[in-house]
Amino acid sequence: MNQAIIDANVILGYLVREEDYLDTALRKYELLLLPTLVVSEVVYVLENEYDLDRRLVLEALSSLLQESKIKSERTIILNSLLKYRDYPTLSFVDCYLWELAEGAGCDLLTNDKKLAVKK
């Protein structure tokens, strides 16, 4: 199968409409792999470099994750983004870890007081 891993810059270029490299890749490859680590970087850059509101970050990435040729931890990422939107004191990584712990039915060990109360 013809596949590739997507870098954060490819996603960012697509989302801010600066380049069409993702569109080209979607035509060239049968499957594009989107690691959650890359999503985390994209969230950070959109919020901190582009000053995007968390709701807009969720909207932008939600539509991207619906693309059938992009493989990711889609459900975990979307649920993490919903938490990220709803809990402004938590980072995306905090929300991702919270979602993983919930999904696994286990505790999340943390010294982060903001996150510890979310168990």
PDB file of N, CA and C in Angstrom:
ATOM      1  N   MET A   1       0.836  -1.181   0.000  1.00  0.00           N
ATOM      2  CA  MET A   1       0.000   0.000   0.000  1.00  0.00           C
ATOM      3  C   MET A   1       0.883   1.248   0.000  1.00  0.00           C
ATOM      4  N   ASN A   2       0.534   2.188  -0.807  1.00  0.00           N
ATOM      5  CA  ASN A   2       1.248   3.454  -0.937  1.00  0.00           C
ATOM      6  C   ASN A   2       0.784   4.404   0.173  1.00  0.00           C
ATOM      7  N   GLN A   3       1.655   4.644   1.175  1.00  0.00           N
ATOM      8  CA  GLN A   3       1.259   5.480   2.305  1.00  0.00           C
ATOM      9  C   GLN A   3       2.400   6.371   2.775  1.00  0.00           C
ATOM     10  N   ALA A   4       2.052   7.376   3.570  1.00  0.00           N
ATOM     11  CA  ALA A   4       3.046   8.314   4.093  1.00  0.00           C
ATOM     12  C   ALA A   4       2.577   8.833   5.451  1.00  0.00           C
ATOM     13  N   ILE A   5       3.533   9.287   6.249  1.00  0.00           N
ATOM     14  CA  ILE A   5       3.233   9.932   7.525  1.00  0.00           C
ATOM     15  C   ILE A   5       3.192  11.439   7.291  1.00  0.00           C
ATOM     16  N   ILE A   6       2.197  12.097   7.869  1.00  0.00           N
ATOM     17  CA  ILE A   6       2.022  13.539   7.691  1.00  0.00           C
ATOM     18  C   ILE A   6       2.745  14.290   8.806  1.00  0.00           C
ATOM     19  N   ASP A   7       3.477  15.309   8.430  1.00  0.00           N
ATOM     20  CA  ASP A   7       4.160  16.203   9.364  1.00  0.00           C
ATOM     21  C   ASP A   7       3.227  17.363   9.741  1.00  0.00           C
ATOM     22  N   ALA A   8       3.492  17.985  10.881  1.00  0.00           N
ATOM     23  CA  ALA A   8       2.671  19.115  11.347  1.00  0.00           C
ATOM     24  C   ALA A   8       2.642  20.261  10.335  1.00  0.00           C
ATOM     25  N   ASN A   9       3.751  20.522   9.670  1.00  0.00           N
ATOM     26  CA  ASN A   9       3.796  21.632   8.711  1.00  0.00           C
ATOM     27  C   ASN A   9       2.860  21.420   7.529  1.00  0.00           C
ATOM     28  N   VAL A  10       2.659  20.167   7.137  1.00  0.00           N
ATOM     29  CA  VAL A  10       1.725  19.861   6.049  1.00  0.00           C
ATOM     30  C   VAL A  10       0.304  20.204   6.492  1.00  0.00           C
ATOM     31  N   ILE A  11      -0.047  19.804   7.714  1.00  0.00           N
ATOM     32  CA  ILE A  11      -1.384  20.080   8.248  1.00  0.00           C
ATOM     33  C   ILE A  11      -1.586  21.587   8.430  1.00  0.00           C
ATOM     34  N   LEU A  12      -0.598  22.241   9.012  1.00  0.00           N
ATOM     35  CA  LEU A  12      -0.712  23.686   9.241  1.00  0.00           C
ATOM     36  C   LEU A  12      -0.844  24.457   7.931  1.00  0.00           C
ATOM     37  N   GLY A  13      -0.052  24.085   6.937  1.00  0.00           N
ATOM     38  CA  GLY A  13      -0.141  24.741   5.635  1.00  0.00           C
ATOM     39  C   GLY A  13      -1.525  24.601   5.027  1.00  0.00           C
ATOM     40  N   TYR A  14      -2.111  23.430   5.184  1.00  0.00           N
ATOM     41  CA  TYR A  14      -3.460  23.177   4.679  1.00  0.00           C
ATOM     42  C   TYR A  14      -4.502  23.997   5.449  1.00  0.00           C
ATOM     43  N   LEU A  15      -4.401  23.975   6.774  1.00  0.00           N
ATOM     44  CA  LEU A  15      -5.408  24.637   7.602  1.00  0.00           C
ATOM     45  C   LEU A  15      -5.396  26.154   7.476  1.00  0.00           C
ATOM     46  N   VAL A  16      -4.228  26.725   7.291  1.00  0.00           N
ATOM     47  CA  VAL A  16      -4.157  28.190   7.173  1.00  0.00           C
ATOM     48  C   VAL A  16      -4.125  28.632   5.709  1.00  0.00           C
ATOM     49  N   ARG A  17      -4.336  27.672   4.801  1.00  0.00           N
ATOM     50  CA  ARG A  17      -4.467  27.938   3.367  1.00  0.00           C
ATOM     51  C   ARG A  17      -3.230  28.576   2.747  1.00  0.00           C
ATOM     52  N   GLU A  18      -2.061  28.190   3.253  1.00  0.00           N
ATOM     53  CA  GLU A  18      -0.822  28.726   2.692  1.00  0.00           C
ATOM     54  C   GLU A  18      -0.240  27.825   1.606  1.00  0.00           C
ATOM     55  N   GLU A  19      -0.628  26.555   1.614  1.00  0.00           N
ATOM     56  CA  GLU A  19      -0.110  25.630   0.599  1.00  0.00           C
ATOM     57  C   GLU A  19      -1.096  24.488   0.408  1.00  0.00           C
ATOM     58  N   ASP A  20      -0.962  23.798  -0.720  1.00  0.00           N
ATOM     59  CA  ASP A  20      -1.869  22.695  -1.020  1.00  0.00           C
ATOM     60  C   ASP A  20      -1.155  21.347  -1.005  1.00  0.00           C
ATOM     61  N   TYR A  21      -0.080  21.246  -0.226  1.00  0.00           N
ATOM     62  CA  TYR A  21       0.694  20.005  -0.190  1.00  0.00           C
ATOM     63  C   TYR A  21      -0.152  18.830   0.282  1.00  0.00           C
ATOM     64  N   LEU A  22      -1.060  19.063   1.223  1.00  0.00           N
ATOM     65  CA  LEU A  22      -1.920  17.978   1.694  1.00  0.00           C
ATOM     66  C   LEU A  22      -2.834  17.494   0.577  1.00  0.00           C
ATOM     67  N   ASP A  23      -3.400  18.404  -0.194  1.00  0.00           N
ATOM     68  CA  ASP A  23      -4.250  18.009  -1.321  1.00  0.00           C
ATOM     69  C   ASP A  23      -3.472  17.149  -2.315  1.00  0.00           C
ATOM     70  N   THR A  24      -2.242  17.544  -2.585  1.00  0.00           N
ATOM     71  CA  THR A  24      -1.379  16.767  -3.481  1.00  0.00           C
ATOM     72  C   THR A  24      -1.115  15.389  -2.896  1.00  0.00           C
ATOM     73  N   ALA A  25      -0.820  15.334  -1.608  1.00  0.00           N
ATOM     74  CA  ALA A  25      -0.540  14.057  -0.941  1.00  0.00           C
ATOM     75  C   ALA A  25      -1.770  13.156  -0.937  1.00  0.00           C
ATOM     76  N   LEU A  26      -2.946  13.732  -0.756  1.00  0.00           N
ATOM     77  CA  LEU A  26      -4.177  12.935  -0.771  1.00  0.00           C
ATOM     78  C   LEU A  26      -4.410  12.297  -2.136  1.00  0.00           C
ATOM     79  N   ARG A  27      -3.979  12.958  -3.194  1.00  0.00           N
ATOM     80  CA  ARG A  27      -4.098  12.376  -4.536  1.00  0.00           C
ATOM     81  C   ARG A  27      -3.015  11.327  -4.789  1.00  0.00           C
ATOM     82  N   LYS A  28      -1.827  11.545  -4.226  1.00  0.00           N
ATOM     83  CA  LYS A  28      -0.683  10.674  -4.500  1.00  0.00           C
ATOM     84  C   LYS A  28      -0.706   9.377  -3.693  1.00  0.00           C
ATOM     85  N   TYR A  29      -1.152   9.449  -2.432  1.00  0.00           N
ATOM     86  CA  TYR A  29      -1.067   8.296  -1.532  1.00  0.00           C
ATOM     87  C   TYR A  29      -2.444   7.700  -1.258  1.00  0.00           C
ATOM     88  N   GLU A  30      -2.440   6.383  -1.056  1.00  0.00           N
ATOM     89  CA  GLU A  30      -3.678   5.699  -0.697  1.00  0.00           C
ATOM     90  C   GLU A  30      -4.062   5.967   0.750  1.00  0.00           C
ATOM     91  N   LEU A  31      -3.056   6.173   1.601  1.00  0.00           N
ATOM     92  CA  LEU A  31      -3.300   6.362   3.026  1.00  0.00           C
ATOM     93  C   LEU A  31      -2.263   7.315   3.606  1.00  0.00           C
ATOM     94  N   LEU A  32      -2.731   8.260   4.421  1.00  0.00           N
ATOM     95  CA  LEU A  32      -1.839   9.178   5.128  1.00  0.00           C
ATOM     96  C   LEU A  32      -1.999   8.929   6.623  1.00  0.00           C
ATOM     97  N   LEU A  33      -0.892   8.706   7.298  1.00  0.00           N
ATOM     98  CA  LEU A  33      -0.905   8.424   8.728  1.00  0.00           C
ATOM     99  C   LEU A  33      -0.668   9.715   9.501  1.00  0.00           C
ATOM    100  N   LEU A  34      -1.563  10.004  10.431  1.00  0.00           N
ATOM    101  CA  LEU A  34      -1.481  11.226  11.226  1.00  0.00           C
ATOM    102  C   LEU A  34      -1.243  10.851  12.689  1.00  0.00           C
ATOM    103  N   PRO A  35       0.015  10.891  13.137  1.00  0.00           N
ATOM    104  CA  PRO A  35       0.308  10.561  14.537  1.00  0.00           C
ATOM    105  C   PRO A  35      -0.296  11.599  15.491  1.00  0.00           C
ATOM    106  N   THR A  36      -0.722  11.142  16.651  1.00  0.00           N
ATOM    107  CA  THR A  36      -1.295  12.041  17.648  1.00  0.00           C
ATOM    108  C   THR A  36      -0.282  13.083  18.097  1.00  0.00           C
ATOM    109  N   LEU A  37       0.986  12.736  18.109  1.00  0.00           N
ATOM    110  CA  LEU A  37       2.032  13.699  18.461  1.00  0.00           C
ATOM    111  C   LEU A  37       2.018  14.887  17.497  1.00  0.00           C
ATOM    112  N   VAL A  38       1.762  14.621  16.231  1.00  0.00           N
ATOM    113  CA  VAL A  38       1.669  15.687  15.230  1.00  0.00           C
ATOM    114  C   VAL A  38       0.432  16.552  15.503  1.00  0.00           C
ATOM    115  N   VAL A  39      -0.679  15.917  15.849  1.00  0.00           N
ATOM    116  CA  VAL A  39      -1.891  16.672  16.187  1.00  0.00           C
ATOM    117  C   VAL A  39      -1.608  17.607  17.361  1.00  0.00           C
ATOM    118  N   SER A  40      -0.892  17.104  18.351  1.00  0.00           N
ATOM    119  CA  SER A  40      -0.542  17.917  19.517  1.00  0.00           C
ATOM    120  C   SER A  40       0.255  19.159  19.116  1.00  0.00           C
ATOM    121  N   GLU A  41       1.210  18.976  18.224  1.00  0.00           N
ATOM    122  CA  GLU A  41       2.004  20.115  17.744  1.00  0.00           C
ATOM    123  C   GLU A  41       1.130  21.108  16.973  1.00  0.00           C
ATOM    124  N   VAL A  42       0.241  20.599  16.149  1.00  0.00           N
ATOM    125  CA  VAL A  42      -0.657  21.459  15.373  1.00  0.00           C
ATOM    126  C   VAL A  42      -1.549  22.280  16.310  1.00  0.00           C
ATOM    127  N   VAL A  43      -2.111  21.630  17.323  1.00  0.00           N
ATOM    128  CA  VAL A  43      -2.957  22.334  18.293  1.00  0.00           C
ATOM    129  C   VAL A  43      -2.168  23.453  18.961  1.00  0.00           C
ATOM    130  N   TYR A  44      -0.963  23.136  19.402  1.00  0.00           N
ATOM    131  CA  TYR A  44      -0.129  24.125  20.082  1.00  0.00           C
ATOM    132  C   TYR A  44       0.152  25.334  19.175  1.00  0.00           C
ATOM    133  N   VAL A  45       0.533  25.070  17.943  1.00  0.00           N
ATOM    134  CA  VAL A  45       0.866  26.156  17.014  1.00  0.00           C
ATOM    135  C   VAL A  45      -0.374  26.987  16.674  1.00  0.00           C
ATOM    136  N   LEU A  46      -1.501  26.335  16.425  1.00  0.00           N
ATOM    137  CA  LEU A  46      -2.720  27.084  16.099  1.00  0.00           C
ATOM    138  C   LEU A  46      -3.134  28.000  17.243  1.00  0.00           C
ATOM    139  N   GLU A  47      -3.011  27.509  18.465  1.00  0.00           N
ATOM    140  CA  GLU A  47      -3.415  28.322  19.611  1.00  0.00           C
ATOM    141  C   GLU A  47      -2.393  29.413  19.926  1.00  0.00           C
ATOM    142  N   ASN A  48      -1.118  29.079  19.883  1.00  0.00           N
ATOM    143  CA  ASN A  48      -0.092  30.005  20.355  1.00  0.00           C
ATOM    144  C   ASN A  48       0.524  30.895  19.276  1.00  0.00           C
ATOM    145  N   GLU A  49       0.612  30.420  18.060  1.00  0.00           N
ATOM    146  CA  GLU A  49       1.206  31.217  16.980  1.00  0.00           C
ATOM    147  C   GLU A  49       0.150  31.937  16.140  1.00  0.00           C
ATOM    148  N   TYR A  50      -1.003  31.288  15.959  1.00  0.00           N
ATOM    149  CA  TYR A  50      -2.067  31.883  15.149  1.00  0.00           C
ATOM    150  C   TYR A  50      -3.195  32.463  15.998  1.00  0.00           C
ATOM    151  N   ASP A  51      -3.087  32.351  17.317  1.00  0.00           N
ATOM    152  CA  ASP A  51      -4.086  32.878  18.262  1.00  0.00           C
ATOM    153  C   ASP A  51      -5.501  32.391  17.960  1.00  0.00           C
ATOM    154  N   LEU A  52      -5.623  31.145  17.549  1.00  0.00           N
ATOM    155  CA  LEU A  52      -6.940  30.585  17.265  1.00  0.00           C
ATOM    156  C   LEU A  52      -7.629  30.186  18.564  1.00  0.00           C
ATOM    157  N   ASP A  53      -8.897  30.491  18.642  1.00  0.00           N
ATOM    158  CA  ASP A  53      -9.744  30.077  19.748  1.00  0.00           C
ATOM    159  C   ASP A  53      -9.844  28.545  19.749  1.00  0.00           C
ATOM    160  N   ARG A  54      -9.961  27.954  20.912  1.00  0.00           N
ATOM    161  CA  ARG A  54     -10.033  26.491  21.021  1.00  0.00           C
ATOM    162  C   ARG A  54     -11.198  25.906  20.220  1.00  0.00           C
ATOM    163  N   ARG A  55     -12.299  26.604  20.163  1.00  0.00           N
ATOM    164  CA  ARG A  55     -13.444  26.133  19.390  1.00  0.00           C
ATOM    165  C   ARG A  55     -13.078  26.032  17.907  1.00  0.00           C
ATOM    166  N   LEU A  56     -12.324  27.014  17.409  1.00  0.00           N
ATOM    167  CA  LEU A  56     -11.902  26.998  16.006  1.00  0.00           C
ATOM    168  C   LEU A  56     -10.863  25.913  15.743  1.00  0.00           C
ATOM    169  N   VAL A  57     -10.006  25.653  16.724  1.00  0.00           N
ATOM    170  CA  VAL A  57      -9.037  24.552  16.599  1.00  0.00           C
ATOM    171  C   VAL A  57      -9.796  23.238  16.456  1.00  0.00           C
ATOM    172  N   LEU A  58     -10.805  23.037  17.298  1.00  0.00           N
ATOM    173  CA  LEU A  58     -11.635  21.826  17.225  1.00  0.00           C
ATOM    174  C   LEU A  58     -12.301  21.709  15.859  1.00  0.00           C
ATOM    175  N   GLU A  59     -12.898  22.778  15.381  1.00  0.00           N
ATOM    176  CA  GLU A  59     -13.579  22.747  14.081  1.00  0.00           C
ATOM    177  C   GLU A  59     -12.615  22.407  12.949  1.00  0.00           C
ATOM    178  N   ALA A  60     -11.463  23.049  12.941  1.00  0.00           N
ATOM    179  CA  ALA A  60     -10.492  22.826  11.869  1.00  0.00           C
ATOM    180  C   ALA A  60     -10.005  21.383  11.849  1.00  0.00           C
ATOM    181  N   LEU A  61      -9.637  20.873  13.008  1.00  0.00           N
ATOM    182  CA  LEU A  61      -9.101  19.511  13.052  1.00  0.00           C
ATOM    183  C   LEU A  61     -10.190  18.459  12.890  1.00  0.00           C
ATOM    184  N   SER A  62     -11.395  18.735  13.358  1.00  0.00           N
ATOM    185  CA  SER A  62     -12.499  17.784  13.197  1.00  0.00           C
ATOM    186  C   SER A  62     -12.780  17.521  11.730  1.00  0.00           C
ATOM    187  N   SER A  63     -12.816  18.584  10.947  1.00  0.00           N
ATOM    188  CA  SER A  63     -13.088  18.391   9.518  1.00  0.00           C
ATOM    189  C   SER A  63     -11.953  17.623   8.846  1.00  0.00           C
ATOM    190  N   LEU A  64     -10.735  17.900   9.238  1.00  0.00           N
ATOM    191  CA  LEU A  64      -9.580  17.190   8.678  1.00  0.00           C
ATOM    192  C   LEU A  64      -9.627  15.697   9.028  1.00  0.00           C
ATOM    193  N   LEU A  65     -10.001  15.384  10.265  1.00  0.00           N
ATOM    194  CA  LEU A  65     -10.035  13.991  10.715  1.00  0.00           C
ATOM    195  C   LEU A  65     -11.133  13.178  10.033  1.00  0.00           C
ATOM    196  N   GLN A  66     -12.075  13.835   9.384  1.00  0.00           N
ATOM    197  CA  GLN A  66     -13.137  13.126   8.668  1.00  0.00           C
ATOM    198  C   GLN A  66     -12.673  12.588   7.313  1.00  0.00           C
ATOM    199  N   GLU A  67     -11.531  13.062   6.846  1.00  0.00           N
ATOM    200  CA  GLU A  67     -10.987  12.609   5.560  1.00  0.00           C
ATOM    201  C   GLU A  67     -10.691  11.112   5.644  1.00  0.00           C
ATOM    202  N   SER A  68     -11.299  10.327   4.770  1.00  0.00           N
ATOM    203  CA  SER A  68     -11.184   8.867   4.845  1.00  0.00           C
ATOM    204  C   SER A  68      -9.776   8.344   4.573  1.00  0.00           C
ATOM    205  N   LYS A  69      -8.960   9.089   3.861  1.00  0.00           N
ATOM    206  CA  LYS A  69      -7.599   8.638   3.564  1.00  0.00           C
ATOM    207  C   LYS A  69      -6.608   8.957   4.682  1.00  0.00           C
ATOM    208  N   ILE A  70      -7.060   9.652   5.713  1.00  0.00           N
ATOM    209  CA  ILE A  70      -6.181   9.990   6.835  1.00  0.00           C
ATOM    210  C   ILE A  70      -6.483   9.049   7.993  1.00  0.00           C
ATOM    211  N   LYS A  71      -5.457   8.292   8.398  1.00  0.00           N
ATOM    212  CA  LYS A  71      -5.614   7.333   9.497  1.00  0.00           C
ATOM    213  C   LYS A  71      -4.996   7.934  10.760  1.00  0.00           C
ATOM    214  N   SER A  72      -5.776   7.893  11.841  1.00  0.00           N
ATOM    215  CA  SER A  72      -5.312   8.432  13.118  1.00  0.00           C
ATOM    216  C   SER A  72      -6.091   7.757  14.244  1.00  0.00           C
ATOM    217  N   GLU A  73      -5.785   8.160  15.463  1.00  0.00           N
ATOM    218  CA  GLU A  73      -6.587   7.752  16.616  1.00  0.00           C
ATOM    219  C   GLU A  73      -7.810   8.673  16.651  1.00  0.00           C
ATOM    220  N   ARG A  74      -8.587   8.618  15.601  1.00  0.00           N
ATOM    221  CA  ARG A  74      -9.660   9.586  15.341  1.00  0.00           C
ATOM    222  C   ARG A  74     -10.568   9.830  16.553  1.00  0.00           C
ATOM    223  N   THR A  75     -11.128   8.787  17.120  1.00  0.00           N
ATOM    224  CA  THR A  75     -12.073   8.948  18.226  1.00  0.00           C
ATOM    225  C   THR A  75     -11.398   9.536  19.453  1.00  0.00           C
ATOM    226  N   ILE A  76     -10.217   9.031  19.778  1.00  0.00           N
ATOM    227  CA  ILE A  76      -9.483   9.542  20.943  1.00  0.00           C
ATOM    228  C   ILE A  76      -9.121  11.011  20.732  1.00  0.00           C
ATOM    229  N   ILE A  77      -8.662  11.345  19.546  1.00  0.00           N
ATOM    230  CA  ILE A  77      -8.283  12.731  19.255  1.00  0.00           C
ATOM    231  C   ILE A  77      -9.504  13.651  19.323  1.00  0.00           C
ATOM    232  N   LEU A  78     -10.611  13.247  18.716  1.00  0.00           N
ATOM    233  CA  LEU A  78     -11.815  14.087  18.733  1.00  0.00           C
ATOM    234  C   LEU A  78     -12.331  14.294  20.154  1.00  0.00           C
ATOM    235  N   ASN A  79     -12.368  13.226  20.949  1.00  0.00           N
ATOM    236  CA  ASN A  79     -12.809  13.361  22.339  1.00  0.00           C
ATOM    237  C   ASN A  79     -11.853  14.239  23.140  1.00  0.00           C
ATOM    238  N   SER A  80     -10.569  14.121  22.852  1.00  0.00           N
ATOM    239  CA  SER A  80      -9.571  14.968  23.517  1.00  0.00           C
ATOM    240  C   SER A  80      -9.763  16.427  23.128  1.00  0.00           C
ATOM    241  N   LEU A  81     -10.058  16.670  21.860  1.00  0.00           N
ATOM    242  CA  LEU A  81     -10.303  18.039  21.396  1.00  0.00           C
ATOM    243  C   LEU A  81     -11.565  18.637  22.023  1.00  0.00           C
ATOM    244  N   LEU A  82     -12.575  17.808  22.237  1.00  0.00           N
ATOM    245  CA  LEU A  82     -13.786  18.294  22.910  1.00  0.00           C
ATOM    246  C   LEU A  82     -13.474  18.711  24.345  1.00  0.00           C
ATOM    247  N   LYS A  83     -12.696  17.898  25.041  1.00  0.00           N
ATOM    248  CA  LYS A  83     -12.269  18.250  26.400  1.00  0.00           C
ATOM    249  C   LYS A  83     -11.423  19.525  26.365  1.00  0.00           C
ATOM    250  N   TYR A  84     -10.522  19.599  25.417  1.00  0.00           N
ATOM    251  CA  TYR A  84      -9.636  20.758  25.251  1.00  0.00           C
ATOM    252  C   TYR A  84     -10.459  22.038  25.054  1.00  0.00           C
ATOM    253  N   ARG A  85     -11.515  21.943  24.267  1.00  0.00           N
ATOM    254  CA  ARG A  85     -12.397  23.098  24.049  1.00  0.00           C
ATOM    255  C   ARG A  85     -13.130  23.488  25.336  1.00  0.00           C
ATOM    256  N   ASP A  86     -13.568  22.491  26.083  1.00  0.00           N
ATOM    257  CA  ASP A  86     -14.418  22.737  27.245  1.00  0.00           C
ATOM    258  C   ASP A  86     -13.665  23.055  28.537  1.00  0.00           C
ATOM    259  N   TYR A  87     -12.381  22.759  28.590  1.00  0.00           N
ATOM    260  CA  TYR A  87     -11.579  22.974  29.802  1.00  0.00           C
ATOM    261  C   TYR A  87     -10.372  23.852  29.461  1.00  0.00           C
ATOM    262  N   PRO A  88     -10.559  25.163  29.451  1.00  0.00           N
ATOM    263  CA  PRO A  88      -9.509  26.079  28.986  1.00  0.00           C
ATOM    264  C   PRO A  88      -8.237  26.104  29.826  1.00  0.00           C
ATOM    265  N   THR A  89      -8.264  25.552  31.024  1.00  0.00           N
ATOM    266  CA  THR A  89      -7.029  25.531  31.824  1.00  0.00           C
ATOM    267  C   THR A  89      -6.156  24.323  31.505  1.00  0.00           C
ATOM    268  N   LEU A  90      -6.683  23.401  30.705  1.00  0.00           N
ATOM    269  CA  LEU A  90      -5.932  22.193  30.367  1.00  0.00           C
ATOM    270  C   LEU A  90      -5.348  22.285  28.965  1.00  0.00           C
ATOM    271  N   SER A  91      -4.172  21.718  28.794  1.00  0.00           N
ATOM    272  CA  SER A  91      -3.552  21.644  27.469  1.00  0.00           C
ATOM    273  C   SER A  91      -4.166  20.478  26.691  1.00  0.00           C
ATOM    274  N   PHE A  92      -3.886  20.425  25.407  1.00  0.00           N
ATOM    275  CA  PHE A  92      -4.355  19.289  24.611  1.00  0.00           C
ATOM    276  C   PHE A  92      -3.763  17.989  25.141  1.00  0.00           C
ATOM    277  N   VAL A  93      -2.495  18.006  25.522  1.00  0.00           N
ATOM    278  CA  VAL A  93      -1.847  16.793  26.051  1.00  0.00           C
ATOM    279  C   VAL A  93      -2.549  16.336  27.324  1.00  0.00           C
ATOM    280  N   ASP A  94      -2.891  17.278  28.214  1.00  0.00           N
ATOM    281  CA  ASP A  94      -3.647  16.924  29.422  1.00  0.00           C
ATOM    282  C   ASP A  94      -4.947  16.223  29.050  1.00  0.00           C
ATOM    283  N   CYS A  95      -5.662  16.797  28.100  1.00  0.00           N
ATOM    284  CA  CYS A  95      -6.950  16.246  27.674  1.00  0.00           C
ATOM    285  C   CYS A  95      -6.786  14.889  27.004  1.00  0.00           C
ATOM    286  N   TYR A  96      -5.724  14.721  26.249  1.00  0.00           N
ATOM    287  CA  TYR A  96      -5.435  13.441  25.598  1.00  0.00           C
ATOM    288  C   TYR A  96      -5.173  12.362  26.652  1.00  0.00           C
ATOM    289  N   LEU A  97      -4.360  12.679  27.647  1.00  0.00           N
ATOM    290  CA  LEU A  97      -4.071  11.708  28.709  1.00  0.00           C
ATOM    291  C   LEU A  97      -5.332  11.370  29.498  1.00  0.00           C
ATOM    292  N   TRP A  98      -6.142  12.372  29.780  1.00  0.00           N
ATOM    293  CA  TRP A  98      -7.416  12.171  30.471  1.00  0.00           C
ATOM    294  C   TRP A  98      -8.301  11.228  29.652  1.00  0.00           C
ATOM    295  N   GLU A  99      -8.384  11.457  28.351  1.00  0.00           N
ATOM    296  CA  GLU A  99      -9.191  10.610  27.464  1.00  0.00           C
ATOM    297  C   GLU A  99      -8.657   9.181  27.429  1.00  0.00           C
ATOM    298  N   LEU A 100      -7.342   9.024  27.351  1.00  0.00           N
ATOM    299  CA  LEU A 100      -6.751   7.680  27.360  1.00  0.00           C
ATOM    300  C   LEU A 100      -7.082   6.940  28.646  1.00  0.00           C
ATOM    301  N   ALA A 101      -6.950   7.630  29.779  1.00  0.00           N
ATOM    302  CA  ALA A 101      -7.237   7.003  31.074  1.00  0.00           C
ATOM    303  C   ALA A 101      -8.706   6.600  31.162  1.00  0.00           C
ATOM    304  N   GLU A 102      -9.596   7.479  30.739  1.00  0.00           N
ATOM    305  CA  GLU A 102     -11.030   7.152  30.744  1.00  0.00           C
ATOM    306  C   GLU A 102     -11.317   5.937  29.873  1.00  0.00           C
ATOM    307  N   GLY A 103     -10.745   5.936  28.680  1.00  0.00           N
ATOM    308  CA  GLY A 103     -10.973   4.833  27.753  1.00  0.00           C
ATOM    309  C   GLY A 103     -10.450   3.504  28.260  1.00  0.00           C
ATOM    310  N   ALA A 104      -9.354   3.553  29.000  1.00  0.00           N
ATOM    311  CA  ALA A 104      -8.757   2.331  29.542  1.00  0.00           C
ATOM    312  C   ALA A 104      -9.371   1.951  30.887  1.00  0.00           C
ATOM    313  N   GLY A 105     -10.214   2.833  31.425  1.00  0.00           N
ATOM    314  CA  GLY A 105     -10.830   2.558  32.719  1.00  0.00           C
ATOM    315  C   GLY A 105      -9.828   2.562  33.859  1.00  0.00           C
ATOM    316  N   CYS A 106      -8.844   3.430  33.759  1.00  0.00           N
ATOM    317  CA  CYS A 106      -7.816   3.469  34.801  1.00  0.00           C
ATOM    318  C   CYS A 106      -7.601   4.895  35.292  1.00  0.00           C
ATOM    319  N   ASP A 107      -6.861   4.995  36.389  1.00  0.00           N
ATOM    320  CA  ASP A 107      -6.523   6.304  36.943  1.00  0.00           C
ATOM    321  C   ASP A 107      -5.452   6.974  36.099  1.00  0.00           C
ATOM    322  N   LEU A 108      -5.417   8.283  36.181  1.00  0.00           N
ATOM    323  CA  LEU A 108      -4.353   9.067  35.566  1.00  0.00           C
ATOM    324  C   LEU A 108      -3.504   9.623  36.695  1.00  0.00           C
ATOM    325  N   LEU A 109      -2.270   9.182  36.782  1.00  0.00           N
ATOM    326  CA  LEU A 109      -1.368   9.647  37.827  1.00  0.00           C
ATOM    327  C   LEU A 109      -0.735  10.954  37.391  1.00  0.00           C
ATOM    328  N   THR A 110      -0.969  11.991  38.185  1.00  0.00           N
ATOM    329  CA  THR A 110      -0.447  13.308  37.849  1.00  0.00           C
ATOM    330  C   THR A 110      -0.290  14.146  39.109  1.00  0.00           C
ATOM    331  N   ASN A 111       0.642  15.071  39.071  1.00  0.00           N
ATOM    332  CA  ASN A 111       0.778  16.070  40.125  1.00  0.00           C
ATOM    333  C   ASN A 111       0.133  17.383  39.707  1.00  0.00           C
ATOM    334  N   ASP A 112      -0.404  17.429  38.503  1.00  0.00           N
ATOM    335  CA  ASP A 112      -1.067  18.616  37.971  1.00  0.00           C
ATOM    336  C   ASP A 112      -2.437  18.748  38.646  1.00  0.00           C
ATOM    337  N   LYS A 113      -2.573  19.707  39.530  1.00  0.00           N
ATOM    338  CA  LYS A 113      -3.808  19.861  40.304  1.00  0.00           C
ATOM    339  C   LYS A 113      -5.025  20.135  39.414  1.00  0.00           C
ATOM    340  N   LYS A 114      -4.830  20.828  38.294  1.00  0.00           N
ATOM    341  CA  LYS A 114      -5.946  21.110  37.385  1.00  0.00           C
ATOM    342  C   LYS A 114      -6.473  19.819  36.769  1.00  0.00           C
ATOM    343  N   LEU A 115      -5.583  18.899  36.498  1.00  0.00           N
ATOM    344  CA  LEU A 115      -5.951  17.651  35.843  1.00  0.00           C
ATOM    345  C   LEU A 115      -6.379  16.590  36.841  1.00  0.00           C
ATOM    346  N   ALA A 116      -5.824  16.595  38.033  1.00  0.00           N
ATOM    347  CA  ALA A 116      -6.107  15.563  39.031  1.00  0.00           C
ATOM    348  C   ALA A 116      -7.585  15.511  39.405  1.00  0.00           C
ATOM    349  N   VAL A 117      -8.280  16.622  39.364  1.00  0.00           N
ATOM    350  CA  VAL A 117      -9.691  16.642  39.742  1.00  0.00           C
ATOM    351  C   VAL A 117     -10.598  16.117  38.632  1.00  0.00           C
ATOM    352  N   LYS A 118     -10.074  15.825  37.481  1.00  0.00           N
ATOM    353  CA  LYS A 118     -10.877  15.382  36.337  1.00  0.00           C
ATOM    354  C   LYS A 118     -11.081  13.871  36.298  1.00  0.00           C
ATOM    355  N   LYS A 119     -10.572  13.161  37.286  1.00  0.00           N
ATOM    356  CA  LYS A 119     -10.672  11.697  37.290  1.00  0.00           C
ATOM    357  C   LYS A 119     -12.109  11.231  37.349  1.00  0.00           C
TER     358      LYS A 119
END
